[in-house]
Amino acid sequence: METIYTDSLVTITQTEIIFRHYYFPAGKEKRVALADIERIEVKPSTLLNGKWRIHGTGNFKVWFPRDIHRAGRDRIFFAVLKRQWIDIGFTVEDGNRVEQIFRDMNLIPSQV
């Protein structure tokens, strides 16, 4: 499996995203197949979007893997999953690069 991007928070391959520190309290990783992702939304890092959410959920709809530096990041990604009620909100160390990777994979809808 070829790794397209990796940092201390995620690894993106041609077929999946691996979220590090996903499960609480054990901090184990979660693997999500790209085929199970309906789309990825990119939102600015704001209070309402989870800027201060270090780990877990505040609304029972979005789960955030642990990132103690989330408040300092400029954007938050939201993986909207097929066949699952809960989505994954996550951050990465190189937001520009990851956003372009997801656009190239057609996971981020084209802007109208």
N, C-alpha and C. Protein backbone atom coordinates (compact mmCIF):
# COMPACT_ATOMS: atom_id res chain seq x y z
N MET A 1 0.84 -1.17 0.00
CA MET A 1 0.00 0.00 0.00
C MET A 1 0.89 1.24 0.00
N GLU A 2 0.74 2.08 -1.00
CA GLU A 2 1.57 3.27 -1.12
C GLU A 2 1.02 4.39 -0.24
N THR A 3 1.88 4.95 0.61
CA THR A 3 1.50 6.07 1.45
C THR A 3 1.60 7.35 0.63
N ILE A 4 0.52 8.11 0.62
CA ILE A 4 0.48 9.38 -0.10
C ILE A 4 0.88 10.53 0.83
N TYR A 5 0.47 10.43 2.10
CA TYR A 5 0.75 11.47 3.08
C TYR A 5 0.76 10.83 4.47
N THR A 6 1.66 11.29 5.32
CA THR A 6 1.66 10.83 6.70
C THR A 6 2.20 11.92 7.61
N ASP A 7 1.63 12.02 8.80
CA ASP A 7 2.15 12.89 9.85
C ASP A 7 1.82 12.23 11.18
N SER A 8 1.90 12.95 12.27
CA SER A 8 1.67 12.36 13.58
C SER A 8 0.18 12.12 13.87
N LEU A 9 -0.71 12.60 12.99
CA LEU A 9 -2.15 12.50 13.21
C LEU A 9 -2.85 11.51 12.28
N VAL A 10 -2.43 11.47 11.03
CA VAL A 10 -3.07 10.62 10.03
C VAL A 10 -2.05 10.04 9.06
N THR A 11 -2.46 8.98 8.40
CA THR A 11 -1.76 8.46 7.23
C THR A 11 -2.81 8.28 6.15
N ILE A 12 -2.51 8.76 4.95
CA ILE A 12 -3.41 8.61 3.81
C ILE A 12 -2.71 7.73 2.79
N THR A 13 -3.40 6.66 2.39
CA THR A 13 -2.89 5.79 1.34
C THR A 13 -3.85 5.88 0.15
N GLN A 14 -3.62 5.08 -0.85
CA GLN A 14 -4.50 5.07 -2.02
C GLN A 14 -5.87 4.47 -1.69
N THR A 15 -5.98 3.77 -0.57
CA THR A 15 -7.24 3.08 -0.26
C THR A 15 -7.86 3.41 1.09
N GLU A 16 -7.11 4.09 1.97
CA GLU A 16 -7.66 4.33 3.30
C GLU A 16 -7.02 5.54 3.98
N ILE A 17 -7.70 5.97 5.05
CA ILE A 17 -7.13 6.97 5.96
C ILE A 17 -7.00 6.28 7.31
N ILE A 18 -5.85 6.43 7.92
CA ILE A 18 -5.61 5.89 9.26
C ILE A 18 -5.56 7.07 10.21
N PHE A 19 -6.51 7.09 11.15
CA PHE A 19 -6.56 8.15 12.16
C PHE A 19 -5.86 7.66 13.41
N ARG A 20 -4.78 8.32 13.78
CA ARG A 20 -4.07 7.96 15.01
C ARG A 20 -4.82 8.54 16.21
N HIS A 21 -4.65 7.90 17.36
CA HIS A 21 -5.23 8.40 18.63
C HIS A 21 -6.75 8.58 18.51
N TYR A 22 -7.41 7.64 17.85
CA TYR A 22 -8.85 7.78 17.62
C TYR A 22 -9.67 7.38 18.84
N TYR A 23 -9.40 6.21 19.37
CA TYR A 23 -10.22 5.68 20.45
C TYR A 23 -9.77 6.21 21.81
N PHE A 24 -10.74 6.52 22.65
CA PHE A 24 -10.47 7.03 23.99
C PHE A 24 -10.79 5.93 24.99
N PRO A 25 -10.01 5.67 26.00
CA PRO A 25 -8.76 6.34 26.36
C PRO A 25 -7.52 5.65 25.79
N ALA A 26 -7.69 4.51 25.13
CA ALA A 26 -6.54 3.72 24.70
C ALA A 26 -5.69 4.41 23.64
N GLY A 27 -6.29 5.30 22.85
CA GLY A 27 -5.53 6.01 21.83
C GLY A 27 -5.22 5.17 20.60
N LYS A 28 -5.94 4.08 20.41
CA LYS A 28 -5.68 3.23 19.24
C LYS A 28 -6.14 3.92 17.97
N GLU A 29 -5.62 3.43 16.84
CA GLU A 29 -5.95 4.02 15.55
C GLU A 29 -7.25 3.45 14.99
N LYS A 30 -7.81 4.17 14.04
CA LYS A 30 -9.00 3.72 13.30
C LYS A 30 -8.67 3.82 11.82
N ARG A 31 -9.02 2.77 11.09
CA ARG A 31 -8.81 2.73 9.64
C ARG A 31 -10.16 2.89 8.95
N VAL A 32 -10.22 3.80 7.99
CA VAL A 32 -11.44 4.03 7.23
C VAL A 32 -11.09 3.93 5.75
N ALA A 33 -11.76 3.03 5.06
CA ALA A 33 -11.55 2.88 3.61
C ALA A 33 -12.07 4.13 2.90
N LEU A 34 -11.33 4.59 1.91
CA LEU A 34 -11.77 5.75 1.14
C LEU A 34 -13.11 5.48 0.48
N ALA A 35 -13.38 4.24 0.13
CA ALA A 35 -14.66 3.88 -0.49
C ALA A 35 -15.83 4.07 0.47
N ASP A 36 -15.56 4.14 1.78
CA ASP A 36 -16.60 4.34 2.79
C ASP A 36 -16.85 5.82 3.11
N ILE A 37 -16.15 6.70 2.42
CA ILE A 37 -16.29 8.14 2.64
C ILE A 37 -17.13 8.74 1.52
N GLU A 38 -18.24 9.34 1.91
CA GLU A 38 -19.11 9.99 0.93
C GLU A 38 -18.45 11.25 0.38
N ARG A 39 -17.92 12.06 1.31
CA ARG A 39 -17.22 13.29 0.92
C ARG A 39 -16.42 13.79 2.12
N ILE A 40 -15.52 14.72 1.84
CA ILE A 40 -14.78 15.40 2.90
C ILE A 40 -15.06 16.88 2.77
N GLU A 41 -15.45 17.47 3.88
CA GLU A 41 -15.70 18.91 3.93
C GLU A 41 -14.53 19.57 4.64
N VAL A 42 -14.19 20.76 4.19
CA VAL A 42 -13.11 21.54 4.81
C VAL A 42 -13.73 22.80 5.36
N LYS A 43 -13.52 23.02 6.66
CA LYS A 43 -14.10 24.20 7.30
C LYS A 43 -13.01 24.93 8.07
N PRO A 44 -13.21 26.24 8.26
CA PRO A 44 -12.23 26.99 9.06
C PRO A 44 -12.24 26.52 10.50
N SER A 45 -11.13 26.67 11.16
CA SER A 45 -11.01 26.28 12.56
C SER A 45 -11.66 27.36 13.42
N THR A 46 -12.90 27.07 13.85
CA THR A 46 -13.64 28.01 14.70
C THR A 46 -14.19 27.25 15.90
N LEU A 47 -14.68 27.98 16.87
CA LEU A 47 -15.26 27.38 18.07
C LEU A 47 -16.37 26.40 17.70
N LEU A 48 -17.26 26.79 16.80
CA LEU A 48 -18.38 25.93 16.42
C LEU A 48 -17.95 24.71 15.61
N ASN A 49 -16.82 24.79 14.93
CA ASN A 49 -16.33 23.67 14.13
C ASN A 49 -15.41 22.73 14.90
N GLY A 50 -15.15 23.00 16.16
CA GLY A 50 -14.35 22.09 16.97
C GLY A 50 -12.93 22.53 17.24
N LYS A 51 -12.65 23.81 17.09
CA LYS A 51 -11.29 24.32 17.30
C LYS A 51 -10.70 23.89 18.64
N TRP A 52 -11.50 23.90 19.68
CA TRP A 52 -11.00 23.58 21.02
C TRP A 52 -11.31 22.15 21.45
N ARG A 53 -11.80 21.33 20.54
CA ARG A 53 -12.11 19.94 20.85
C ARG A 53 -10.83 19.14 20.74
N ILE A 54 -10.26 18.75 21.86
CA ILE A 54 -8.99 18.01 21.85
C ILE A 54 -9.22 16.56 21.46
N HIS A 55 -10.29 15.95 21.98
CA HIS A 55 -10.56 14.53 21.70
C HIS A 55 -12.02 14.25 22.02
N GLY A 56 -12.69 13.49 21.18
CA GLY A 56 -14.06 13.08 21.49
C GLY A 56 -15.09 13.88 20.73
N THR A 57 -16.27 14.03 21.34
CA THR A 57 -17.38 14.70 20.68
C THR A 57 -18.05 15.68 21.61
N GLY A 58 -18.64 16.70 21.03
CA GLY A 58 -19.41 17.65 21.81
C GLY A 58 -20.87 17.62 21.41
N ASN A 59 -21.17 16.94 20.28
CA ASN A 59 -22.55 16.95 19.79
C ASN A 59 -23.07 15.56 19.40
N PHE A 60 -22.30 14.53 19.61
CA PHE A 60 -22.66 13.14 19.31
C PHE A 60 -22.85 12.88 17.82
N LYS A 61 -22.46 13.80 16.95
CA LYS A 61 -22.53 13.62 15.51
C LYS A 61 -21.14 13.54 14.88
N VAL A 62 -20.17 14.22 15.49
CA VAL A 62 -18.81 14.25 14.97
C VAL A 62 -17.84 13.79 16.05
N TRP A 63 -16.98 12.84 15.71
CA TRP A 63 -15.95 12.37 16.63
C TRP A 63 -14.61 12.90 16.18
N PHE A 64 -13.85 13.45 17.12
CA PHE A 64 -12.54 14.00 16.83
C PHE A 64 -11.45 13.12 17.44
N PRO A 65 -10.54 12.57 16.62
CA PRO A 65 -9.36 11.91 17.17
C PRO A 65 -8.54 12.94 17.96
N ARG A 66 -7.72 12.48 18.86
CA ARG A 66 -6.94 13.40 19.70
C ARG A 66 -5.95 14.23 18.88
N ASP A 67 -5.98 15.53 19.13
CA ASP A 67 -4.99 16.47 18.58
C ASP A 67 -4.88 17.61 19.58
N ILE A 68 -3.83 17.60 20.36
CA ILE A 68 -3.67 18.63 21.40
C ILE A 68 -3.31 20.00 20.80
N HIS A 69 -3.01 20.04 19.50
CA HIS A 69 -2.67 21.30 18.83
C HIS A 69 -3.76 21.76 17.87
N ARG A 70 -4.96 21.18 17.96
CA ARG A 70 -6.03 21.51 17.02
C ARG A 70 -6.35 23.01 17.00
N ALA A 71 -6.31 23.66 18.15
CA ALA A 71 -6.67 25.08 18.22
C ALA A 71 -5.74 25.96 17.37
N GLY A 72 -4.53 25.50 17.12
CA GLY A 72 -3.59 26.27 16.33
C GLY A 72 -3.62 25.97 14.84
N ARG A 73 -4.47 25.07 14.42
CA ARG A 73 -4.54 24.69 13.01
C ARG A 73 -5.55 25.58 12.28
N ASP A 74 -5.34 25.80 10.99
CA ASP A 74 -6.16 26.75 10.24
C ASP A 74 -7.44 26.16 9.66
N ARG A 75 -7.56 24.84 9.60
CA ARG A 75 -8.76 24.22 9.03
C ARG A 75 -9.00 22.87 9.69
N ILE A 76 -10.25 22.47 9.62
CA ILE A 76 -10.66 21.17 10.14
C ILE A 76 -11.35 20.42 9.01
N PHE A 77 -10.99 19.17 8.84
CA PHE A 77 -11.59 18.31 7.83
C PHE A 77 -12.69 17.48 8.48
N PHE A 78 -13.76 17.26 7.74
CA PHE A 78 -14.87 16.44 8.22
C PHE A 78 -15.11 15.34 7.20
N ALA A 79 -14.88 14.10 7.59
CA ALA A 79 -15.15 12.95 6.73
C ALA A 79 -16.59 12.52 6.96
N VAL A 80 -17.43 12.72 5.96
CA VAL A 80 -18.82 12.30 6.02
C VAL A 80 -18.86 10.87 5.51
N LEU A 81 -19.20 9.95 6.40
CA LEU A 81 -19.12 8.53 6.09
C LEU A 81 -20.42 7.98 5.54
N LYS A 82 -20.31 7.07 4.61
CA LYS A 82 -21.47 6.35 4.09
C LYS A 82 -21.91 5.33 5.15
N ARG A 83 -23.18 5.12 5.26
CA ARG A 83 -23.73 4.07 6.11
C ARG A 83 -23.36 4.20 7.59
N GLN A 84 -22.96 5.38 8.03
CA GLN A 84 -22.68 5.60 9.45
C GLN A 84 -23.25 6.95 9.84
N TRP A 85 -23.77 7.01 11.04
CA TRP A 85 -24.37 8.25 11.52
C TRP A 85 -23.32 9.25 11.95
N ILE A 86 -22.25 8.78 12.59
CA ILE A 86 -21.23 9.68 13.11
C ILE A 86 -20.17 9.96 12.05
N ASP A 87 -19.75 11.21 11.96
CA ASP A 87 -18.70 11.62 11.04
C ASP A 87 -17.40 11.80 11.83
N ILE A 88 -16.30 11.97 11.12
CA ILE A 88 -15.00 12.15 11.76
C ILE A 88 -14.49 13.54 11.44
N GLY A 89 -14.23 14.32 12.49
CA GLY A 89 -13.61 15.63 12.34
C GLY A 89 -12.13 15.48 12.67
N PHE A 90 -11.27 15.93 11.79
CA PHE A 90 -9.84 15.71 12.04
C PHE A 90 -9.00 16.85 11.49
N THR A 91 -7.81 16.94 12.02
CA THR A 91 -6.84 17.93 11.58
C THR A 91 -5.57 17.20 11.14
N VAL A 92 -4.75 17.92 10.41
CA VAL A 92 -3.48 17.39 9.91
C VAL A 92 -2.41 18.46 10.09
N GLU A 93 -1.18 18.07 9.94
CA GLU A 93 -0.09 19.04 10.11
C GLU A 93 0.11 19.93 8.88
N ASP A 94 -0.21 19.44 7.69
CA ASP A 94 -0.06 20.21 6.46
C ASP A 94 -1.41 20.29 5.75
N GLY A 95 -2.24 21.23 6.17
CA GLY A 95 -3.59 21.35 5.66
C GLY A 95 -3.66 21.60 4.16
N ASN A 96 -2.78 22.45 3.63
CA ASN A 96 -2.80 22.74 2.20
C ASN A 96 -2.56 21.49 1.37
N ARG A 97 -1.56 20.74 1.77
CA ARG A 97 -1.21 19.52 1.02
C ARG A 97 -2.33 18.49 1.08
N VAL A 98 -2.87 18.27 2.26
CA VAL A 98 -3.93 17.27 2.42
C VAL A 98 -5.20 17.69 1.69
N GLU A 99 -5.53 18.96 1.74
CA GLU A 99 -6.70 19.43 1.00
C GLU A 99 -6.52 19.15 -0.49
N GLN A 100 -5.34 19.40 -1.03
CA GLN A 100 -5.10 19.13 -2.45
C GLN A 100 -5.18 17.64 -2.76
N ILE A 101 -4.66 16.82 -1.88
CA ILE A 101 -4.74 15.36 -2.06
C ILE A 101 -6.21 14.92 -2.14
N PHE A 102 -7.04 15.41 -1.22
CA PHE A 102 -8.45 15.03 -1.23
C PHE A 102 -9.17 15.58 -2.46
N ARG A 103 -8.79 16.77 -2.92
CA ARG A 103 -9.39 17.31 -4.14
C ARG A 103 -9.02 16.43 -5.34
N ASP A 104 -7.75 16.03 -5.41
CA ASP A 104 -7.30 15.18 -6.51
C ASP A 104 -8.02 13.82 -6.48
N MET A 105 -8.41 13.36 -5.30
CA MET A 105 -9.14 12.09 -5.16
C MET A 105 -10.65 12.28 -5.36
N ASN A 106 -11.06 13.51 -5.62
CA ASN A 106 -12.49 13.85 -5.78
C ASN A 106 -13.30 13.57 -4.52
N LEU A 107 -12.69 13.67 -3.36
CA LEU A 107 -13.39 13.51 -2.10
C LEU A 107 -13.97 14.83 -1.60
N ILE A 108 -13.38 15.94 -2.02
CA ILE A 108 -13.89 17.27 -1.69
C ILE A 108 -14.70 17.74 -2.89
N PRO A 109 -15.99 18.00 -2.69
CA PRO A 109 -16.83 18.44 -3.81
C PRO A 109 -16.30 19.73 -4.43
N SER A 110 -16.47 19.84 -5.74
CA SER A 110 -16.06 21.06 -6.44
C SER A 110 -16.88 22.24 -5.92
N GLN A 111 -16.23 23.38 -5.82
CA GLN A 111 -16.93 24.59 -5.38
C GLN A 111 -17.78 25.10 -6.54
N VAL A 112 -18.97 25.56 -6.19
CA VAL A 112 -19.89 26.05 -7.22
C VAL A 112 -19.69 27.53 -7.43
